């Protein structure tokens, strides 16, 4: 759980959250369904 309370270390939690969100974005771009032609 990236949002677990870590004994007051909020900076570490935010950094882990950022990495977690970036992984989700990269996975979304790879799995994104694109239309053939614009």
ModelCIF file with pLDDT and N, C-alpha, C, O atoms, coordinates in Angstrom:
data_MODEL
#
_entry.id   MODEL 
#
_entity.id                         1 
_entity.type                       polymer 
_entity.pdbx_number_of_molecules   1 
#
_entity_poly.entity_id                      1 
_entity_poly.type                           'polypeptide(L)' 
_entity_poly.nstd_linkage                   no 
_entity_poly.nstd_monomer                   no 
_entity_poly.pdbx_seq_one_letter_code       
;(UNK)(UNK)(UNK)(UNK)(UNK)(UNK)(UNK)(UNK)(UNK)(UNK)(UNK)(UNK)(UNK)(UNK)(UNK)(UNK)
(UNK)(UNK)(UNK)(UNK)(UNK)(UNK)(UNK)(UNK)(UNK)(UNK)(UNK)(UNK)(UNK)(UNK)(UNK)(UNK)
(UNK)(UNK)(UNK)(UNK)(UNK)(UNK)
;
_entity_poly.pdbx_seq_one_letter_code_can   XXXXXXXXXXXXXXXXXXXXXXXXXXXXXXXXXXXXXX 
_entity_poly.pdbx_strand_id                 A 
#
loop_
_entity_poly_seq.entity_id 
_entity_poly_seq.num 
_entity_poly_seq.mon_id 
_entity_poly_seq.hetero 
1 1  UNK n 
1 2  UNK n 
1 3  UNK n 
1 4  UNK n 
1 5  UNK n 
1 6  UNK n 
1 7  UNK n 
1 8  UNK n 
1 9  UNK n 
1 10 UNK n 
1 11 UNK n 
1 12 UNK n 
1 13 UNK n 
1 14 UNK n 
1 15 UNK n 
1 16 UNK n 
1 17 UNK n 
1 18 UNK n 
1 19 UNK n 
1 20 UNK n 
1 21 UNK n 
1 22 UNK n 
1 23 UNK n 
1 24 UNK n 
1 25 UNK n 
1 26 UNK n 
1 27 UNK n 
1 28 UNK n 
1 29 UNK n 
1 30 UNK n 
1 31 UNK n 
1 32 UNK n 
1 33 UNK n 
1 34 UNK n 
1 35 UNK n 
1 36 UNK n 
1 37 UNK n 
1 38 UNK n 
#
_struct_asym.id          A 
_struct_asym.entity_id   1 
#
loop_
_ma_qa_metric.id 
_ma_qa_metric.mode 
_ma_qa_metric.name 
_ma_qa_metric.software_group_id 
_ma_qa_metric.type 
1 global pLDDT . pLDDT 
2 local  pLDDT . pLDDT 
#
_ma_qa_metric_global.metric_id      1 
_ma_qa_metric_global.metric_value   55.84 
_ma_qa_metric_global.model_id       1 
_ma_qa_metric_global.ordinal_id     1 
#
loop_
_ma_qa_metric_local.label_asym_id 
_ma_qa_metric_local.label_comp_id 
_ma_qa_metric_local.label_seq_id 
_ma_qa_metric_local.metric_id 
_ma_qa_metric_local.metric_value 
_ma_qa_metric_local.model_id 
_ma_qa_metric_local.ordinal_id 
A UNK 1  2 44.00 1 1  
A UNK 2  2 40.00 1 2  
A UNK 3  2 40.00 1 3  
A UNK 4  2 40.00 1 4  
A UNK 5  2 37.00 1 5  
A UNK 6  2 43.00 1 6  
A UNK 7  2 44.00 1 7  
A UNK 8  2 47.00 1 8  
A UNK 9  2 51.00 1 9  
A UNK 10 2 47.00 1 10 
A UNK 11 2 50.00 1 11 
A UNK 12 2 49.00 1 12 
A UNK 13 2 50.00 1 13 
A UNK 14 2 49.00 1 14 
A UNK 15 2 50.00 1 15 
A UNK 16 2 54.00 1 16 
A UNK 17 2 55.00 1 17 
A UNK 18 2 56.00 1 18 
A UNK 19 2 62.00 1 19 
A UNK 20 2 55.00 1 20 
A UNK 21 2 51.00 1 21 
A UNK 22 2 54.00 1 22 
A UNK 23 2 54.00 1 23 
A UNK 24 2 51.00 1 24 
A UNK 25 2 51.00 1 25 
A UNK 26 2 52.00 1 26 
A UNK 27 2 51.00 1 27 
A UNK 28 2 51.00 1 28 
A UNK 29 2 48.00 1 29 
A UNK 30 2 52.00 1 30 
A UNK 31 2 56.00 1 31 
A UNK 32 2 60.00 1 32 
A UNK 33 2 69.00 1 33 
A UNK 34 2 82.00 1 34 
A UNK 35 2 89.00 1 35 
A UNK 36 2 94.00 1 36 
A UNK 37 2 97.00 1 37 
A UNK 38 2 97.00 1 38 
#
loop_
_atom_site.group_PDB 
_atom_site.id 
_atom_site.type_symbol 
_atom_site.label_atom_id 
_atom_site.label_alt_id 
_atom_site.label_comp_id 
_atom_site.label_asym_id 
_atom_site.label_entity_id 
_atom_site.label_seq_id 
_atom_site.pdbx_PDB_ins_code 
_atom_site.Cartn_x 
_atom_site.Cartn_y 
_atom_site.Cartn_z 
_atom_site.occupancy 
_atom_site.B_iso_or_equiv 
_atom_site.pdbx_formal_charge 
_atom_site.auth_seq_id 
_atom_site.auth_comp_id 
_atom_site.auth_asym_id 
_atom_site.auth_atom_id 
_atom_site.pdbx_PDB_model_num 
ATOM 1   N N  . UNK A 1 1  ? 0.838  -1.185 0.000   1.00 44.00 ? 1  UNK A N  1 
ATOM 2   C CA . UNK A 1 1  ? 0.000  0.000  0.000   1.00 44.00 ? 1  UNK A CA 1 
ATOM 3   C C  . UNK A 1 1  ? 0.876  1.240  0.000   1.00 44.00 ? 1  UNK A C  1 
ATOM 4   O O  . UNK A 1 1  ? 1.543  1.516  0.998   1.00 44.00 ? 1  UNK A O  1 
ATOM 5   N N  . UNK A 1 2  ? 0.895  2.018  -1.123  1.00 40.00 ? 2  UNK A N  1 
ATOM 6   C CA . UNK A 1 2  ? 1.774  3.184  -1.181  1.00 40.00 ? 2  UNK A CA 1 
ATOM 7   C C  . UNK A 1 2  ? 1.309  4.341  -0.313  1.00 40.00 ? 2  UNK A C  1 
ATOM 8   O O  . UNK A 1 2  ? 2.079  5.273  -0.083  1.00 40.00 ? 2  UNK A O  1 
ATOM 9   N N  . UNK A 1 3  ? 0.076  4.311  0.175   1.00 40.00 ? 3  UNK A N  1 
ATOM 10  C CA . UNK A 1 3  ? -0.468 5.417  0.956   1.00 40.00 ? 3  UNK A CA 1 
ATOM 11  C C  . UNK A 1 3  ? -0.459 5.118  2.470   1.00 40.00 ? 3  UNK A C  1 
ATOM 12  O O  . UNK A 1 3  ? -1.077 5.844  3.248   1.00 40.00 ? 3  UNK A O  1 
ATOM 13  N N  . UNK A 1 4  ? 0.231  4.070  2.873   1.00 40.00 ? 4  UNK A N  1 
ATOM 14  C CA . UNK A 1 4  ? 0.273  3.727  4.297   1.00 40.00 ? 4  UNK A CA 1 
ATOM 15  C C  . UNK A 1 4  ? 1.042  4.799  5.076   1.00 40.00 ? 4  UNK A C  1 
ATOM 16  O O  . UNK A 1 4  ? 2.035  5.342  4.592   1.00 40.00 ? 4  UNK A O  1 
ATOM 17  N N  . UNK A 1 5  ? 0.586  5.078  6.237   1.00 37.00 ? 5  UNK A N  1 
ATOM 18  C CA . UNK A 1 5  ? 1.269  6.030  7.105   1.00 37.00 ? 5  UNK A CA 1 
ATOM 19  C C  . UNK A 1 5  ? 2.626  5.465  7.523   1.00 37.00 ? 5  UNK A C  1 
ATOM 20  O O  . UNK A 1 5  ? 2.706  4.331  7.995   1.00 37.00 ? 5  UNK A O  1 
ATOM 21  N N  . UNK A 1 6  ? 3.681  6.241  7.354   1.00 43.00 ? 6  UNK A N  1 
ATOM 22  C CA . UNK A 1 6  ? 5.035  5.739  7.586   1.00 43.00 ? 6  UNK A CA 1 
ATOM 23  C C  . UNK A 1 6  ? 5.688  6.454  8.764   1.00 43.00 ? 6  UNK A C  1 
ATOM 24  O O  . UNK A 1 6  ? 6.840  6.880  8.681   1.00 43.00 ? 6  UNK A O  1 
ATOM 25  N N  . UNK A 1 7  ? 4.950  6.580  9.854   1.00 44.00 ? 7  UNK A N  1 
ATOM 26  C CA . UNK A 1 7  ? 5.558  7.128  11.069  1.00 44.00 ? 7  UNK A CA 1 
ATOM 27  C C  . UNK A 1 7  ? 5.978  8.573  10.937  1.00 44.00 ? 7  UNK A C  1 
ATOM 28  O O  . UNK A 1 7  ? 6.987  8.979  11.512  1.00 44.00 ? 7  UNK A O  1 
ATOM 29  N N  . UNK A 1 8  ? 5.206  9.373  10.173  1.00 47.00 ? 8  UNK A N  1 
ATOM 30  C CA . UNK A 1 8  ? 5.506  10.793 10.044  1.00 47.00 ? 8  UNK A CA 1 
ATOM 31  C C  . UNK A 1 8  ? 6.418  11.133 8.887   1.00 47.00 ? 8  UNK A C  1 
ATOM 32  O O  . UNK A 1 8  ? 6.679  12.314 8.659   1.00 47.00 ? 8  UNK A O  1 
ATOM 33  N N  . UNK A 1 9  ? 6.921  10.153 8.142   1.00 51.00 ? 9  UNK A N  1 
ATOM 34  C CA . UNK A 1 9  ? 7.810  10.419 7.010   1.00 51.00 ? 9  UNK A CA 1 
ATOM 35  C C  . UNK A 1 9  ? 6.965  10.697 5.771   1.00 51.00 ? 9  UNK A C  1 
ATOM 36  O O  . UNK A 1 9  ? 6.859  9.855  4.880   1.00 51.00 ? 9  UNK A O  1 
ATOM 37  N N  . UNK A 1 10 ? 6.357  11.901 5.723   1.00 47.00 ? 10 UNK A N  1 
ATOM 38  C CA . UNK A 1 10 ? 5.430  12.235 4.639   1.00 47.00 ? 10 UNK A CA 1 
ATOM 39  C C  . UNK A 1 10 ? 6.147  12.390 3.311   1.00 47.00 ? 10 UNK A C  1 
ATOM 40  O O  . UNK A 1 10 ? 5.569  12.060 2.276   1.00 47.00 ? 10 UNK A O  1 
ATOM 41  N N  . UNK A 1 11 ? 7.385  12.880 3.292   1.00 50.00 ? 11 UNK A N  1 
ATOM 42  C CA . UNK A 1 11 ? 8.116  13.054 2.039   1.00 50.00 ? 11 UNK A CA 1 
ATOM 43  C C  . UNK A 1 11 ? 8.327  11.718 1.347   1.00 50.00 ? 11 UNK A C  1 
ATOM 44  O O  . UNK A 1 11 ? 8.177  11.614 0.130   1.00 50.00 ? 11 UNK A O  1 
ATOM 45  N N  . UNK A 1 12 ? 8.669  10.711 2.109   1.00 49.00 ? 12 UNK A N  1 
ATOM 46  C CA . UNK A 1 12 ? 8.868  9.393  1.518   1.00 49.00 ? 12 UNK A CA 1 
ATOM 47  C C  . UNK A 1 12 ? 7.567  8.860  0.952   1.00 49.00 ? 12 UNK A C  1 
ATOM 48  O O  . UNK A 1 12 ? 7.552  8.232  -0.107  1.00 49.00 ? 12 UNK A O  1 
ATOM 49  N N  . UNK A 1 13 ? 6.459  9.115  1.666   1.00 50.00 ? 13 UNK A N  1 
ATOM 50  C CA . UNK A 1 13 ? 5.162  8.648  1.182   1.00 50.00 ? 13 UNK A CA 1 
ATOM 51  C C  . UNK A 1 13 ? 4.813  9.325  -0.131  1.00 50.00 ? 13 UNK A C  1 
ATOM 52  O O  . UNK A 1 13 ? 4.356  8.663  -1.063  1.00 50.00 ? 13 UNK A O  1 
ATOM 53  N N  . UNK A 1 14 ? 5.026  10.659 -0.223  1.00 49.00 ? 14 UNK A N  1 
ATOM 54  C CA . UNK A 1 14 ? 4.710  11.370 -1.457  1.00 49.00 ? 14 UNK A CA 1 
ATOM 55  C C  . UNK A 1 14 ? 5.581  10.894 -2.609  1.00 49.00 ? 14 UNK A C  1 
ATOM 56  O O  . UNK A 1 14 ? 5.109  10.791 -3.741  1.00 49.00 ? 14 UNK A O  1 
ATOM 57  N N  . UNK A 1 15 ? 6.856  10.601 -2.332  1.00 50.00 ? 15 UNK A N  1 
ATOM 58  C CA . UNK A 1 15 ? 7.741  10.105 -3.387  1.00 50.00 ? 15 UNK A CA 1 
ATOM 59  C C  . UNK A 1 15 ? 7.267  8.747  -3.892  1.00 50.00 ? 15 UNK A C  1 
ATOM 60  O O  . UNK A 1 15 ? 7.258  8.489  -5.096  1.00 50.00 ? 15 UNK A O  1 
ATOM 61  N N  . UNK A 1 16 ? 6.872  7.880  -2.955  1.00 54.00 ? 16 UNK A N  1 
ATOM 62  C CA . UNK A 1 16 ? 6.369  6.578  -3.375  1.00 54.00 ? 16 UNK A CA 1 
ATOM 63  C C  . UNK A 1 16 ? 5.076  6.725  -4.162  1.00 54.00 ? 16 UNK A C  1 
ATOM 64  O O  . UNK A 1 16 ? 4.850  6.000  -5.131  1.00 54.00 ? 16 UNK A O  1 
ATOM 65  N N  . UNK A 1 17 ? 4.217  7.670  -3.745  1.00 55.00 ? 17 UNK A N  1 
ATOM 66  C CA . UNK A 1 17 ? 2.983  7.917  -4.483  1.00 55.00 ? 17 UNK A CA 1 
ATOM 67  C C  . UNK A 1 17 ? 3.279  8.363  -5.908  1.00 55.00 ? 17 UNK A C  1 
ATOM 68  O O  . UNK A 1 17 ? 2.634  7.909  -6.853  1.00 55.00 ? 17 UNK A O  1 
ATOM 69  N N  . UNK A 1 18 ? 4.273  9.268  -6.063  1.00 56.00 ? 18 UNK A N  1 
ATOM 70  C CA . UNK A 1 18 ? 4.617  9.748  -7.400  1.00 56.00 ? 18 UNK A CA 1 
ATOM 71  C C  . UNK A 1 18 ? 5.110  8.636  -8.304  1.00 56.00 ? 18 UNK A C  1 
ATOM 72  O O  . UNK A 1 18 ? 4.731  8.557  -9.472  1.00 56.00 ? 18 UNK A O  1 
ATOM 73  N N  . UNK A 1 19 ? 5.963  7.773  -7.753  1.00 62.00 ? 19 UNK A N  1 
ATOM 74  C CA . UNK A 1 19 ? 6.448  6.646  -8.546  1.00 62.00 ? 19 UNK A CA 1 
ATOM 75  C C  . UNK A 1 19 ? 5.314  5.705  -8.915  1.00 62.00 ? 19 UNK A C  1 
ATOM 76  O O  . UNK A 1 19 ? 5.272  5.178  -10.027 1.00 62.00 ? 19 UNK A O  1 
ATOM 77  N N  . UNK A 1 20 ? 4.392  5.494  -7.976  1.00 55.00 ? 20 UNK A N  1 
ATOM 78  C CA . UNK A 1 20 ? 3.266  4.605  -8.231  1.00 55.00 ? 20 UNK A CA 1 
ATOM 79  C C  . UNK A 1 20 ? 2.375  5.161  -9.341  1.00 55.00 ? 20 UNK A C  1 
ATOM 80  O O  . UNK A 1 20 ? 1.940  4.418  -10.220 1.00 55.00 ? 20 UNK A O  1 
ATOM 81  N N  . UNK A 1 21 ? 2.101  6.485  -9.299  1.00 51.00 ? 21 UNK A N  1 
ATOM 82  C CA . UNK A 1 21 ? 1.265  7.119  -10.333 1.00 51.00 ? 21 UNK A CA 1 
ATOM 83  C C  . UNK A 1 21 ? 1.953  7.069  -11.692 1.00 51.00 ? 21 UNK A C  1 
ATOM 84  O O  . UNK A 1 21 ? 1.297  6.846  -12.710 1.00 51.00 ? 21 UNK A O  1 
ATOM 85  N N  . UNK A 1 22 ? 3.281  7.277  -11.719 1.00 54.00 ? 22 UNK A N  1 
ATOM 86  C CA . UNK A 1 22 ? 4.010  7.242  -12.982 1.00 54.00 ? 22 UNK A CA 1 
ATOM 87  C C  . UNK A 1 22 ? 3.952  5.857  -13.602 1.00 54.00 ? 22 UNK A C  1 
ATOM 88  O O  . UNK A 1 22 ? 3.813  5.722  -14.817 1.00 54.00 ? 22 UNK A O  1 
ATOM 89  N N  . UNK A 1 23 ? 4.059  4.826  -12.771 1.00 54.00 ? 23 UNK A N  1 
ATOM 90  C CA . UNK A 1 23 ? 3.946  3.463  -13.287 1.00 54.00 ? 23 UNK A CA 1 
ATOM 91  C C  . UNK A 1 23 ? 2.575  3.233  -13.902 1.00 54.00 ? 23 UNK A C  1 
ATOM 92  O O  . UNK A 1 23 ? 2.459  2.604  -14.954 1.00 54.00 ? 23 UNK A O  1 
ATOM 93  N N  . UNK A 1 24 ? 1.530  3.744  -13.243 1.00 51.00 ? 24 UNK A N  1 
ATOM 94  C CA . UNK A 1 24 ? 0.181  3.602  -13.792 1.00 51.00 ? 24 UNK A CA 1 
ATOM 95  C C  . UNK A 1 24 ? 0.041  4.336  -15.116 1.00 51.00 ? 24 UNK A C  1 
ATOM 96  O O  . UNK A 1 24 ? -0.603 3.828  -16.034 1.00 51.00 ? 24 UNK A O  1 
ATOM 97  N N  . UNK A 1 25 ? 0.635  5.527  -15.234 1.00 51.00 ? 25 UNK A N  1 
ATOM 98  C CA . UNK A 1 25 ? 0.544  6.296  -16.482 1.00 51.00 ? 25 UNK A CA 1 
ATOM 99  C C  . UNK A 1 25 ? 1.260  5.577  -17.611 1.00 51.00 ? 25 UNK A C  1 
ATOM 100 O O  . UNK A 1 25 ? 0.742  5.500  -18.725 1.00 51.00 ? 25 UNK A O  1 
ATOM 101 N N  . UNK A 1 26 ? 2.449  5.050  -17.335 1.00 52.00 ? 26 UNK A N  1 
ATOM 102 C CA . UNK A 1 26 ? 3.187  4.318  -18.367 1.00 52.00 ? 26 UNK A CA 1 
ATOM 103 C C  . UNK A 1 26 ? 2.405  3.094  -18.825 1.00 52.00 ? 26 UNK A C  1 
ATOM 104 O O  . UNK A 1 26 ? 2.342  2.798  -20.019 1.00 52.00 ? 26 UNK A O  1 
ATOM 105 N N  . UNK A 1 27 ? 1.810  2.383  -17.868 1.00 51.00 ? 27 UNK A N  1 
ATOM 106 C CA . UNK A 1 27 ? 1.018  1.212  -18.231 1.00 51.00 ? 27 UNK A CA 1 
ATOM 107 C C  . UNK A 1 27 ? -0.202 1.615  -19.032 1.00 51.00 ? 27 UNK A C  1 
ATOM 108 O O  . UNK A 1 27 ? -0.609 0.891  -19.940 1.00 51.00 ? 27 UNK A O  1 
ATOM 109 N N  . UNK A 1 28 ? -0.805 2.776  -18.708 1.00 51.00 ? 28 UNK A N  1 
ATOM 110 C CA . UNK A 1 28 ? -1.983 3.229  -19.438 1.00 51.00 ? 28 UNK A CA 1 
ATOM 111 C C  . UNK A 1 28 ? -1.644 3.574  -20.879 1.00 51.00 ? 28 UNK A C  1 
ATOM 112 O O  . UNK A 1 28 ? -2.422 3.277  -21.786 1.00 51.00 ? 28 UNK A O  1 
ATOM 113 N N  . UNK A 1 29 ? -0.461 4.213  -21.108 1.00 48.00 ? 29 UNK A N  1 
ATOM 114 C CA . UNK A 1 29 ? -0.063 4.562  -22.469 1.00 48.00 ? 29 UNK A CA 1 
ATOM 115 C C  . UNK A 1 29 ? 0.202  3.316  -23.310 1.00 48.00 ? 29 UNK A C  1 
ATOM 116 O O  . UNK A 1 29 ? -0.122 3.282  -24.497 1.00 48.00 ? 29 UNK A O  1 
ATOM 117 N N  . UNK A 1 30 ? 0.800  2.278  -22.680 1.00 52.00 ? 30 UNK A N  1 
ATOM 118 C CA . UNK A 1 30 ? 1.083  1.058  -23.417 1.00 52.00 ? 30 UNK A CA 1 
ATOM 119 C C  . UNK A 1 30 ? -0.195 0.310  -23.772 1.00 52.00 ? 30 UNK A C  1 
ATOM 120 O O  . UNK A 1 30 ? -0.292 -0.304 -24.835 1.00 52.00 ? 30 UNK A O  1 
ATOM 121 N N  . UNK A 1 31 ? -1.169 0.366  -22.877 1.00 56.00 ? 31 UNK A N  1 
ATOM 122 C CA . UNK A 1 31 ? -2.412 -0.377 -23.094 1.00 56.00 ? 31 UNK A CA 1 
ATOM 123 C C  . UNK A 1 31 ? -3.492 0.469  -23.753 1.00 56.00 ? 31 UNK A C  1 
ATOM 124 O O  . UNK A 1 31 ? -4.586 -0.031 -24.012 1.00 56.00 ? 31 UNK A O  1 
ATOM 125 N N  . UNK A 1 32 ? -3.208 1.745  -24.030 1.00 60.00 ? 32 UNK A N  1 
ATOM 126 C CA . UNK A 1 32 ? -4.207 2.648  -24.574 1.00 60.00 ? 32 UNK A CA 1 
ATOM 127 C C  . UNK A 1 32 ? -4.665 2.194  -25.950 1.00 60.00 ? 32 UNK A C  1 
ATOM 128 O O  . UNK A 1 32 ? -3.856 1.831  -26.803 1.00 60.00 ? 32 UNK A O  1 
ATOM 129 N N  . UNK A 1 33 ? -5.965 2.220  -26.148 1.00 69.00 ? 33 UNK A N  1 
ATOM 130 C CA . UNK A 1 33 ? -6.529 1.843  -27.443 1.00 69.00 ? 33 UNK A CA 1 
ATOM 131 C C  . UNK A 1 33 ? -6.537 3.073  -28.349 1.00 69.00 ? 33 UNK A C  1 
ATOM 132 O O  . UNK A 1 33 ? -7.176 4.076  -28.033 1.00 69.00 ? 33 UNK A O  1 
ATOM 133 N N  . UNK A 1 34 ? -5.837 2.997  -29.458 1.00 82.00 ? 34 UNK A N  1 
ATOM 134 C CA . UNK A 1 34 ? -5.757 4.113  -30.393 1.00 82.00 ? 34 UNK A CA 1 
ATOM 135 C C  . UNK A 1 34 ? -6.590 3.819  -31.632 1.00 82.00 ? 34 UNK A C  1 
ATOM 136 O O  . UNK A 1 34 ? -6.722 2.670  -32.054 1.00 82.00 ? 34 UNK A O  1 
ATOM 137 N N  . UNK A 1 35 ? -7.152 4.890  -32.209 1.00 89.00 ? 35 UNK A N  1 
ATOM 138 C CA . UNK A 1 35 ? -7.868 4.753  -33.472 1.00 89.00 ? 35 UNK A CA 1 
ATOM 139 C C  . UNK A 1 35 ? -6.854 4.719  -34.612 1.00 89.00 ? 35 UNK A C  1 
ATOM 140 O O  . UNK A 1 35 ? -5.769 5.285  -34.483 1.00 89.00 ? 35 UNK A O  1 
ATOM 141 N N  . UNK A 1 36 ? -7.186 4.068  -35.720 1.00 94.00 ? 36 UNK A N  1 
ATOM 142 C CA . UNK A 1 36 ? -6.202 3.943  -36.804 1.00 94.00 ? 36 UNK A CA 1 
ATOM 143 C C  . UNK A 1 36 ? -5.789 5.265  -37.433 1.00 94.00 ? 36 UNK A C  1 
ATOM 144 O O  . UNK A 1 36 ? -4.607 5.458  -37.718 1.00 94.00 ? 36 UNK A O  1 
ATOM 145 N N  . UNK A 1 37 ? -6.739 6.193  -37.661 1.00 97.00 ? 37 UNK A N  1 
ATOM 146 C CA . UNK A 1 37 ? -6.407 7.342  -38.513 1.00 97.00 ? 37 UNK A CA 1 
ATOM 147 C C  . UNK A 1 37 ? -7.106 8.610  -38.045 1.00 97.00 ? 37 UNK A C  1 
ATOM 148 O O  . UNK A 1 37 ? -8.293 8.605  -37.719 1.00 97.00 ? 37 UNK A O  1 
ATOM 149 N N  . UNK A 1 38 ? -6.336 9.703  -38.021 1.00 97.00 ? 38 UNK A N  1 
ATOM 150 C CA . UNK A 1 38 ? -6.874 11.050 -37.825 1.00 97.00 ? 38 UNK A CA 1 
ATOM 151 C C  . UNK A 1 38 ? -6.639 11.838 -39.105 1.00 97.00 ? 38 UNK A C  1 
ATOM 152 O O  . UNK A 1 38 ? -7.008 13.010 -39.186 1.00 97.00 ? 38 UNK A O  1 
#
